[in-house]
Amino acid sequence: MDERHLIAEDRFVELRIWRVPRPVRASDHLYKFSLAFVVKGICVLRYDNEAGKGSHVHRGHKEADYKFVTPEKLLEDFWSDVEGWEEP
């Protein structure tokens, strides 16, 4: 998956999920992902699994672990956070 969706004039989401031959370092599944919600040019929400850190979510300046289950669940959780996001 490699998609970009315009949500409003000043916000969009970018969804990138791909299957990899081996788990990314510190992950226990065969997916690499980066899901971002950008508002007014600032990434306010991002789910990713960069090498060495495993699956996690960034909400503003805070970072927390994320338990990856399936790509479908990942998308469900991400969209739920996007819908619940409130401008500070």
PDB file of N, CA and C in Angstrom:
ATOM      1  N   MET A   1       0.855  -1.170   0.000  1.00  0.00           N
ATOM      2  CA  MET A   1       0.000   0.000   0.000  1.00  0.00           C
ATOM      3  C   MET A   1       0.897   1.228   0.000  1.00  0.00           C
ATOM      4  N   ASP A   2       0.588   2.156  -0.851  1.00  0.00           N
ATOM      5  CA  ASP A   2       1.297   3.436  -0.914  1.00  0.00           C
ATOM      6  C   ASP A   2       0.278   4.458  -1.392  1.00  0.00           C
ATOM      7  N   GLU A   3      -0.397   5.112  -0.427  1.00  0.00           N
ATOM      8  CA  GLU A   3      -1.509   6.000  -0.748  1.00  0.00           C
ATOM      9  C   GLU A   3      -1.386   7.314   0.010  1.00  0.00           C
ATOM     10  N   ARG A   4      -1.940   8.343  -0.608  1.00  0.00           N
ATOM     11  CA  ARG A   4      -2.037   9.647   0.040  1.00  0.00           C
ATOM     12  C   ARG A   4      -3.469  10.132  -0.145  1.00  0.00           C
ATOM     13  N   HIS A   5      -4.094  10.540   0.976  1.00  0.00           N
ATOM     14  CA  HIS A   5      -5.485  10.976   0.946  1.00  0.00           C
ATOM     15  C   HIS A   5      -5.591  12.377   1.533  1.00  0.00           C
ATOM     16  N   LEU A   6      -6.168  13.288   0.755  1.00  0.00           N
ATOM     17  CA  LEU A   6      -6.423  14.637   1.222  1.00  0.00           C
ATOM     18  C   LEU A   6      -7.680  14.604   2.087  1.00  0.00           C
ATOM     19  N   ILE A   7      -7.548  15.004   3.342  1.00  0.00           N
ATOM     20  CA  ILE A   7      -8.666  14.986   4.291  1.00  0.00           C
ATOM     21  C   ILE A   7      -9.391  16.338   4.256  1.00  0.00           C
ATOM     22  N   ALA A   8      -8.610  17.398   4.181  1.00  0.00           N
ATOM     23  CA  ALA A   8      -9.120  18.764   4.097  1.00  0.00           C
ATOM     24  C   ALA A   8      -8.021  19.580   3.421  1.00  0.00           C
ATOM     25  N   GLU A   9      -8.301  20.839   3.152  1.00  0.00           N
ATOM     26  CA  GLU A   9      -7.318  21.671   2.465  1.00  0.00           C
ATOM     27  C   GLU A   9      -5.971  21.704   3.185  1.00  0.00           C
ATOM     28  N   ASP A  10      -5.986  21.640   4.510  1.00  0.00           N
ATOM     29  CA  ASP A  10      -4.754  21.764   5.289  1.00  0.00           C
ATOM     30  C   ASP A  10      -4.293  20.457   5.939  1.00  0.00           C
ATOM     31  N   ARG A  11      -4.859  19.319   5.525  1.00  0.00           N
ATOM     32  CA  ARG A  11      -4.471  18.047   6.164  1.00  0.00           C
ATOM     33  C   ARG A  11      -4.604  16.870   5.211  1.00  0.00           C
ATOM     34  N   PHE A  12      -3.702  15.899   5.401  1.00  0.00           N
ATOM     35  CA  PHE A  12      -3.719  14.684   4.586  1.00  0.00           C
ATOM     36  C   PHE A  12      -3.156  13.525   5.393  1.00  0.00           C
ATOM     37  N   VAL A  13      -3.417  12.325   4.911  1.00  0.00           N
ATOM     38  CA  VAL A  13      -2.788  11.128   5.487  1.00  0.00           C
ATOM     39  C   VAL A  13      -1.959  10.467   4.388  1.00  0.00           C
ATOM     40  N   GLU A  14      -0.874   9.853   4.812  1.00  0.00           N
ATOM     41  CA  GLU A  14      -0.030   9.070   3.914  1.00  0.00           C
ATOM     42  C   GLU A  14       0.089   7.678   4.511  1.00  0.00           C
ATOM     43  N   LEU A  15      -0.260   6.676   3.718  1.00  0.00           N
ATOM     44  CA  LEU A  15      -0.298   5.289   4.188  1.00  0.00           C
ATOM     45  C   LEU A  15       0.694   4.464   3.374  1.00  0.00           C
ATOM     46  N   ARG A  16       1.686   3.904   4.060  1.00  0.00           N
ATOM     47  CA  ARG A  16       2.661   3.057   3.375  1.00  0.00           C
ATOM     48  C   ARG A  16       2.839   1.780   4.197  1.00  0.00           C
ATOM     49  N   ILE A  17       2.485   0.654   3.593  1.00  0.00           N
ATOM     50  CA  ILE A  17       2.643  -0.661   4.231  1.00  0.00           C
ATOM     51  C   ILE A  17       3.167  -1.606   3.167  1.00  0.00           C
ATOM     52  N   TRP A  18       4.241  -2.304   3.458  1.00  0.00           N
ATOM     53  CA  TRP A  18       4.718  -3.303   2.513  1.00  0.00           C
ATOM     54  C   TRP A  18       5.247  -4.514   3.253  1.00  0.00           C
ATOM     55  N   ARG A  19       5.147  -5.634   2.585  1.00  0.00           N
ATOM     56  CA  ARG A  19       5.618  -6.910   3.137  1.00  0.00           C
ATOM     57  C   ARG A  19       7.108  -7.029   2.855  1.00  0.00           C
ATOM     58  N   VAL A  20       7.851  -7.477   3.853  1.00  0.00           N
ATOM     59  CA  VAL A  20       9.299  -7.634   3.724  1.00  0.00           C
ATOM     60  C   VAL A  20       9.667  -9.112   3.911  1.00  0.00           C
ATOM     61  N   PRO A  21      10.797  -9.546   3.358  1.00  0.00           N
ATOM     62  CA  PRO A  21      11.162 -10.967   3.450  1.00  0.00           C
ATOM     63  C   PRO A  21      11.528 -11.418   4.867  1.00  0.00           C
ATOM     64  N   ARG A  22      12.023 -10.481   5.681  1.00  0.00           N
ATOM     65  CA  ARG A  22      12.390 -10.774   7.073  1.00  0.00           C
ATOM     66  C   ARG A  22      11.897  -9.631   7.948  1.00  0.00           C
ATOM     67  N   PRO A  23      11.578  -9.897   9.188  1.00  0.00           N
ATOM     68  CA  PRO A  23      11.139  -8.808  10.071  1.00  0.00           C
ATOM     69  C   PRO A  23      12.183  -7.690  10.149  1.00  0.00           C
ATOM     70  N   VAL A  24      11.697  -6.468  10.198  1.00  0.00           N
ATOM     71  CA  VAL A  24      12.559  -5.316  10.437  1.00  0.00           C
ATOM     72  C   VAL A  24      13.153  -5.505  11.834  1.00  0.00           C
ATOM     73  N   ARG A  25      14.422  -5.140  12.012  1.00  0.00           N
ATOM     74  CA  ARG A  25      15.074  -5.313  13.319  1.00  0.00           C
ATOM     75  C   ARG A  25      14.209  -4.728  14.439  1.00  0.00           C
ATOM     76  N   ALA A  26      13.969  -5.512  15.480  1.00  0.00           N
ATOM     77  CA  ALA A  26      13.152  -5.196  16.661  1.00  0.00           C
ATOM     78  C   ALA A  26      11.652  -5.394  16.411  1.00  0.00           C
ATOM     79  N   SER A  27      11.271  -5.918  15.246  1.00  0.00           N
ATOM     80  CA  SER A  27       9.869  -6.249  14.978  1.00  0.00           C
ATOM     81  C   SER A  27       9.724  -7.763  14.894  1.00  0.00           C
ATOM     82  N   ASP A  28       8.513  -8.257  15.084  1.00  0.00           N
ATOM     83  CA  ASP A  28       8.286  -9.703  15.036  1.00  0.00           C
ATOM     84  C   ASP A  28       7.262 -10.079  13.966  1.00  0.00           C
ATOM     85  N   HIS A  29       7.158  -9.262  12.919  1.00  0.00           N
ATOM     86  CA  HIS A  29       6.216  -9.523  11.835  1.00  0.00           C
ATOM     87  C   HIS A  29       6.875  -9.156  10.505  1.00  0.00           C
ATOM     88  N   LEU A  30       6.245  -9.528   9.415  1.00  0.00           N
ATOM     89  CA  LEU A  30       6.834  -9.348   8.086  1.00  0.00           C
ATOM     90  C   LEU A  30       6.316  -8.110   7.359  1.00  0.00           C
ATOM     91  N   TYR A  31       6.084  -7.026   8.101  1.00  0.00           N
ATOM     92  CA  TYR A  31       5.601  -5.794   7.489  1.00  0.00           C
ATOM     93  C   TYR A  31       6.447  -4.612   7.918  1.00  0.00           C
ATOM     94  N   LYS A  32       6.675  -3.724   6.988  1.00  0.00           N
ATOM     95  CA  LYS A  32       7.290  -2.424   7.250  1.00  0.00           C
ATOM     96  C   LYS A  32       6.174  -1.421   7.006  1.00  0.00           C
ATOM     97  N   PHE A  33       6.026  -0.429   7.887  1.00  0.00           N
ATOM     98  CA  PHE A  33       4.929   0.518   7.709  1.00  0.00           C
ATOM     99  C   PHE A  33       5.278   1.914   8.207  1.00  0.00           C
ATOM    100  N   SER A  34       4.600   2.854   7.617  1.00  0.00           N
ATOM    101  CA  SER A  34       4.685   4.244   8.028  1.00  0.00           C
ATOM    102  C   SER A  34       3.358   4.894   7.650  1.00  0.00           C
ATOM    103  N   LEU A  35       2.579   5.234   8.660  1.00  0.00           N
ATOM    104  CA  LEU A  35       1.275   5.876   8.462  1.00  0.00           C
ATOM    105  C   LEU A  35       1.355   7.242   9.127  1.00  0.00           C
ATOM    106  N   ALA A  36       1.076   8.299   8.376  1.00  0.00           N
ATOM    107  CA  ALA A  36       1.235   9.649   8.912  1.00  0.00           C
ATOM    108  C   ALA A  36      -0.015  10.485   8.675  1.00  0.00           C
ATOM    109  N   PHE A  37      -0.316  11.319   9.650  1.00  0.00           N
ATOM    110  CA  PHE A  37      -1.382  12.308   9.561  1.00  0.00           C
ATOM    111  C   PHE A  37      -0.713  13.670   9.683  1.00  0.00           C
ATOM    112  N   VAL A  38      -0.829  14.484   8.652  1.00  0.00           N
ATOM    113  CA  VAL A  38      -0.142  15.775   8.584  1.00  0.00           C
ATOM    114  C   VAL A  38      -1.173  16.894   8.548  1.00  0.00           C
ATOM    115  N   VAL A  39      -1.004  17.855   9.456  1.00  0.00           N
ATOM    116  CA  VAL A  39      -1.907  19.001   9.557  1.00  0.00           C
ATOM    117  C   VAL A  39      -1.076  20.278   9.451  1.00  0.00           C
ATOM    118  N   LYS A  40      -1.423  21.129   8.501  1.00  0.00           N
ATOM    119  CA  LYS A  40      -0.720  22.404   8.296  1.00  0.00           C
ATOM    120  C   LYS A  40       0.785  22.195   8.165  1.00  0.00           C
ATOM    121  N   GLY A  41       1.168  21.119   7.470  1.00  0.00           N
ATOM    122  CA  GLY A  41       2.578  20.835   7.221  1.00  0.00           C
ATOM    123  C   GLY A  41       3.321  20.166   8.362  1.00  0.00           C
ATOM    124  N   ILE A  42       2.634  19.847   9.459  1.00  0.00           N
ATOM    125  CA  ILE A  42       3.268  19.215  10.624  1.00  0.00           C
ATOM    126  C   ILE A  42       2.687  17.821  10.828  1.00  0.00           C
ATOM    127  N   CYS A  43       3.565  16.836  10.972  1.00  0.00           N
ATOM    128  CA  CYS A  43       3.116  15.472  11.248  1.00  0.00           C
ATOM    129  C   CYS A  43       2.675  15.398  12.709  1.00  0.00           C
ATOM    130  N   VAL A  44       1.370  15.245  12.927  1.00  0.00           N
ATOM    131  CA  VAL A  44       0.834  15.229  14.288  1.00  0.00           C
ATOM    132  C   VAL A  44       0.603  13.807  14.802  1.00  0.00           C
ATOM    133  N   LEU A  45       0.624  12.835  13.888  1.00  0.00           N
ATOM    134  CA  LEU A  45       0.407  11.437  14.260  1.00  0.00           C
ATOM    135  C   LEU A  45       1.158  10.552  13.271  1.00  0.00           C
ATOM    136  N   ARG A  46       1.932   9.595  13.791  1.00  0.00           N
ATOM    137  CA  ARG A  46       2.638   8.675  12.899  1.00  0.00           C
ATOM    138  C   ARG A  46       2.785   7.311  13.578  1.00  0.00           C
ATOM    139  N   TYR A  47       2.413   6.287  12.843  1.00  0.00           N
ATOM    140  CA  TYR A  47       2.647   4.906  13.248  1.00  0.00           C
ATOM    141  C   TYR A  47       3.775   4.397  12.347  1.00  0.00           C
ATOM    142  N   ASP A  48       4.805   3.792  12.938  1.00  0.00           N
ATOM    143  CA  ASP A  48       5.871   3.225  12.112  1.00  0.00           C
ATOM    144  C   ASP A  48       6.631   2.152  12.873  1.00  0.00           C
ATOM    145  N   ASN A  49       7.549   1.521  12.170  1.00  0.00           N
ATOM    146  CA  ASN A  49       8.394   0.498  12.799  1.00  0.00           C
ATOM    147  C   ASN A  49       9.804   0.579  12.223  1.00  0.00           C
ATOM    148  N   GLU A  50      10.470   1.661  12.558  1.00  0.00           N
ATOM    149  CA  GLU A  50      11.832   1.829  12.077  1.00  0.00           C
ATOM    150  C   GLU A  50      12.754   0.783  12.709  1.00  0.00           C
ATOM    151  N   ALA A  51      13.794   0.428  11.975  1.00  0.00           N
ATOM    152  CA  ALA A  51      14.738  -0.605  12.427  1.00  0.00           C
ATOM    153  C   ALA A  51      15.314  -0.243  13.791  1.00  0.00           C
ATOM    154  N   GLY A  52      15.286  -1.216  14.693  1.00  0.00           N
ATOM    155  CA  GLY A  52      15.856  -1.042  16.024  1.00  0.00           C
ATOM    156  C   GLY A  52      14.868  -0.566  17.068  1.00  0.00           C
ATOM    157  N   LYS A  53      13.754   0.037  16.658  1.00  0.00           N
ATOM    158  CA  LYS A  53      12.774   0.547  17.618  1.00  0.00           C
ATOM    159  C   LYS A  53      11.520  -0.301  17.679  1.00  0.00           C
ATOM    160  N   GLY A  54      11.258  -1.079  16.655  1.00  0.00           N
ATOM    161  CA  GLY A  54      10.037  -1.867  16.615  1.00  0.00           C
ATOM    162  C   GLY A  54       8.827  -0.993  16.341  1.00  0.00           C
ATOM    163  N   SER A  55       7.656  -1.571  16.478  1.00  0.00           N
ATOM    164  CA  SER A  55       6.401  -0.877  16.187  1.00  0.00           C
ATOM    165  C   SER A  55       6.093   0.138  17.278  1.00  0.00           C
ATOM    166  N   HIS A  56       5.791   1.368  16.851  1.00  0.00           N
ATOM    167  CA  HIS A  56       5.467   2.415  17.810  1.00  0.00           C
ATOM    168  C   HIS A  56       4.614   3.491  17.146  1.00  0.00           C
ATOM    169  N   VAL A  57       4.097   4.376  17.984  1.00  0.00           N
ATOM    170  CA  VAL A  57       3.245   5.467  17.503  1.00  0.00           C
ATOM    171  C   VAL A  57       3.754   6.782  18.093  1.00  0.00           C
ATOM    172  N   HIS A  58       3.761   7.811  17.268  1.00  0.00           N
ATOM    173  CA  HIS A  58       4.112   9.169  17.692  1.00  0.00           C
ATOM    174  C   HIS A  58       2.822   9.970  17.703  1.00  0.00           C
ATOM    175  N   ARG A  59       2.509  10.546  18.835  1.00  0.00           N
ATOM    176  CA  ARG A  59       1.354  11.455  18.946  1.00  0.00           C
ATOM    177  C   ARG A  59       1.931  12.792  19.385  1.00  0.00           C
ATOM    178  N   GLY A  60       2.049  13.702  18.424  1.00  0.00           N
ATOM    179  CA  GLY A  60       2.738  14.957  18.730  1.00  0.00           C
ATOM    180  C   GLY A  60       4.190  14.639  19.055  1.00  0.00           C
ATOM    181  N   HIS A  61       4.656  15.101  20.202  1.00  0.00           N
ATOM    182  CA  HIS A  61       6.046  14.857  20.613  1.00  0.00           C
ATOM    183  C   HIS A  61       6.195  13.618  21.487  1.00  0.00           C
ATOM    184  N   LYS A  62       5.097  12.916  21.752  1.00  0.00           N
ATOM    185  CA  LYS A  62       5.139  11.717  22.595  1.00  0.00           C
ATOM    186  C   LYS A  62       5.225  10.470  21.733  1.00  0.00           C
ATOM    187  N   GLU A  63       5.960   9.482  22.221  1.00  0.00           N
ATOM    188  CA  GLU A  63       6.125   8.213  21.511  1.00  0.00           C
ATOM    189  C   GLU A  63       5.746   7.070  22.452  1.00  0.00           C
ATOM    190  N   ALA A  64       5.035   6.076  21.915  1.00  0.00           N
ATOM    191  CA  ALA A  64       4.634   4.921  22.719  1.00  0.00           C
ATOM    192  C   ALA A  64       4.747   3.659  21.873  1.00  0.00           C
ATOM    193  N   ASP A  65       4.963   2.534  22.528  1.00  0.00           N
ATOM    194  CA  ASP A  65       4.999   1.251  21.830  1.00  0.00           C
ATOM    195  C   ASP A  65       3.636   0.986  21.202  1.00  0.00           C
ATOM    196  N   TYR A  66       3.649   0.239  20.114  1.00  0.00           N
ATOM    197  CA  TYR A  66       2.414  -0.166  19.449  1.00  0.00           C
ATOM    198  C   TYR A  66       2.486  -1.664  19.206  1.00  0.00           C
ATOM    199  N   LYS A  67       1.444  -2.394  19.570  1.00  0.00           N
ATOM    200  CA  LYS A  67       1.387  -3.838  19.364  1.00  0.00           C
ATOM    201  C   LYS A  67       0.772  -4.118  17.995  1.00  0.00           C
ATOM    202  N   PHE A  68       1.624  -4.448  17.026  1.00  0.00           N
ATOM    203  CA  PHE A  68       1.154  -4.774  15.687  1.00  0.00           C
ATOM    204  C   PHE A  68       0.498  -6.151  15.712  1.00  0.00           C
ATOM    205  N   VAL A  69      -0.701  -6.250  15.125  1.00  0.00           N
ATOM    206  CA  VAL A  69      -1.415  -7.521  15.040  1.00  0.00           C
ATOM    207  C   VAL A  69      -1.555  -7.932  13.571  1.00  0.00           C
ATOM    208  N   THR A  70      -2.194  -7.078  12.777  1.00  0.00           N
ATOM    209  CA  THR A  70      -2.373  -7.306  11.341  1.00  0.00           C
ATOM    210  C   THR A  70      -2.371  -5.946  10.642  1.00  0.00           C
ATOM    211  N   PRO A  71      -2.145  -5.921   9.335  1.00  0.00           N
ATOM    212  CA  PRO A  71      -2.250  -4.651   8.617  1.00  0.00           C
ATOM    213  C   PRO A  71      -3.643  -4.031   8.748  1.00  0.00           C
ATOM    214  N   GLU A  72      -4.672  -4.852   8.746  1.00  0.00           N
ATOM    215  CA  GLU A  72      -6.036  -4.354   8.877  1.00  0.00           C
ATOM    216  C   GLU A  72      -6.250  -3.667  10.225  1.00  0.00           C
ATOM    217  N   LYS A  73      -5.758  -4.271  11.294  1.00  0.00           N
ATOM    218  CA  LYS A  73      -5.882  -3.691  12.634  1.00  0.00           C
ATOM    219  C   LYS A  73      -5.062  -2.404  12.735  1.00  0.00           C
ATOM    220  N   LEU A  74      -3.897  -2.395  12.115  1.00  0.00           N
ATOM    221  CA  LEU A  74      -3.059  -1.194  12.087  1.00  0.00           C
ATOM    222  C   LEU A  74      -3.832  -0.031  11.458  1.00  0.00           C
ATOM    223  N   LEU A  75      -4.439  -0.268  10.304  1.00  0.00           N
ATOM    224  CA  LEU A  75      -5.214   0.773   9.634  1.00  0.00           C
ATOM    225  C   LEU A  75      -6.413   1.209  10.479  1.00  0.00           C
ATOM    226  N   GLU A  76      -7.077   0.253  11.102  1.00  0.00           N
ATOM    227  CA  GLU A  76      -8.223   0.573  11.972  1.00  0.00           C
ATOM    228  C   GLU A  76      -7.782   1.477  13.125  1.00  0.00           C
ATOM    229  N   ASP A  77      -6.690   1.128  13.779  1.00  0.00           N
ATOM    230  CA  ASP A  77      -6.189   1.923  14.909  1.00  0.00           C
ATOM    231  C   ASP A  77      -5.761   3.317  14.451  1.00  0.00           C
ATOM    232  N   PHE A  78      -5.073   3.385  13.312  1.00  0.00           N
ATOM    233  CA  PHE A  78      -4.621   4.666  12.795  1.00  0.00           C
ATOM    234  C   PHE A  78      -5.809   5.574  12.482  1.00  0.00           C
ATOM    235  N   TRP A  79      -6.781   5.073  11.712  1.00  0.00           N
ATOM    236  CA  TRP A  79      -7.934   5.893  11.352  1.00  0.00           C
ATOM    237  C   TRP A  79      -8.733   6.317  12.583  1.00  0.00           C
ATOM    238  N   SER A  80      -8.792   5.464  13.577  1.00  0.00           N
ATOM    239  CA  SER A  80      -9.476   5.829  14.825  1.00  0.00           C
ATOM    240  C   SER A  80      -8.774   7.015  15.488  1.00  0.00           C
ATOM    241  N   ASP A  81      -7.438   6.994  15.512  1.00  0.00           N
ATOM    242  CA  ASP A  81      -6.678   8.111  16.075  1.00  0.00           C
ATOM    243  C   ASP A  81      -6.855   9.384  15.243  1.00  0.00           C
ATOM    244  N   VAL A  82      -6.878   9.249  13.931  1.00  0.00           N
ATOM    245  CA  VAL A  82      -7.085  10.414  13.063  1.00  0.00           C
ATOM    246  C   VAL A  82      -8.450  11.038  13.357  1.00  0.00           C
ATOM    247  N   GLU A  83      -9.475  10.199  13.418  1.00  0.00           N
ATOM    248  CA  GLU A  83     -10.827  10.704  13.679  1.00  0.00           C
ATOM    249  C   GLU A  83     -10.953  11.339  15.056  1.00  0.00           C
ATOM    250  N   GLY A  84     -10.192  10.838  16.026  1.00  0.00           N
ATOM    251  CA  GLY A  84     -10.260  11.376  17.383  1.00  0.00           C
ATOM    252  C   GLY A  84      -9.313  12.531  17.649  1.00  0.00           C
ATOM    253  N   TRP A  85      -8.480  12.891  16.669  1.00  0.00           N
ATOM    254  CA  TRP A  85      -7.487  13.942  16.861  1.00  0.00           C
ATOM    255  C   TRP A  85      -8.157  15.301  17.006  1.00  0.00           C
ATOM    256  N   GLU A  86      -7.688  16.044  17.977  1.00  0.00           N
ATOM    257  CA  GLU A  86      -8.200  17.402  18.180  1.00  0.00           C
ATOM    258  C   GLU A  86      -7.045  18.380  18.158  1.00  0.00           C
ATOM    259  N   GLU A  87      -7.245  19.474  17.476  1.00  0.00           N
ATOM    260  CA  GLU A  87      -6.205  20.496  17.390  1.00  0.00           C
ATOM    261  C   GLU A  87      -5.946  21.095  18.765  1.00  0.00           C
ATOM    262  N   PRO A  88      -4.672  21.230  19.136  1.00  0.00           N
ATOM    263  CA  PRO A  88      -4.363  21.803  20.455  1.00  0.00           C
ATOM    264  C   PRO A  88      -4.694  23.288  20.534  1.00  0.00           C
TER     265      PRO A  88
END
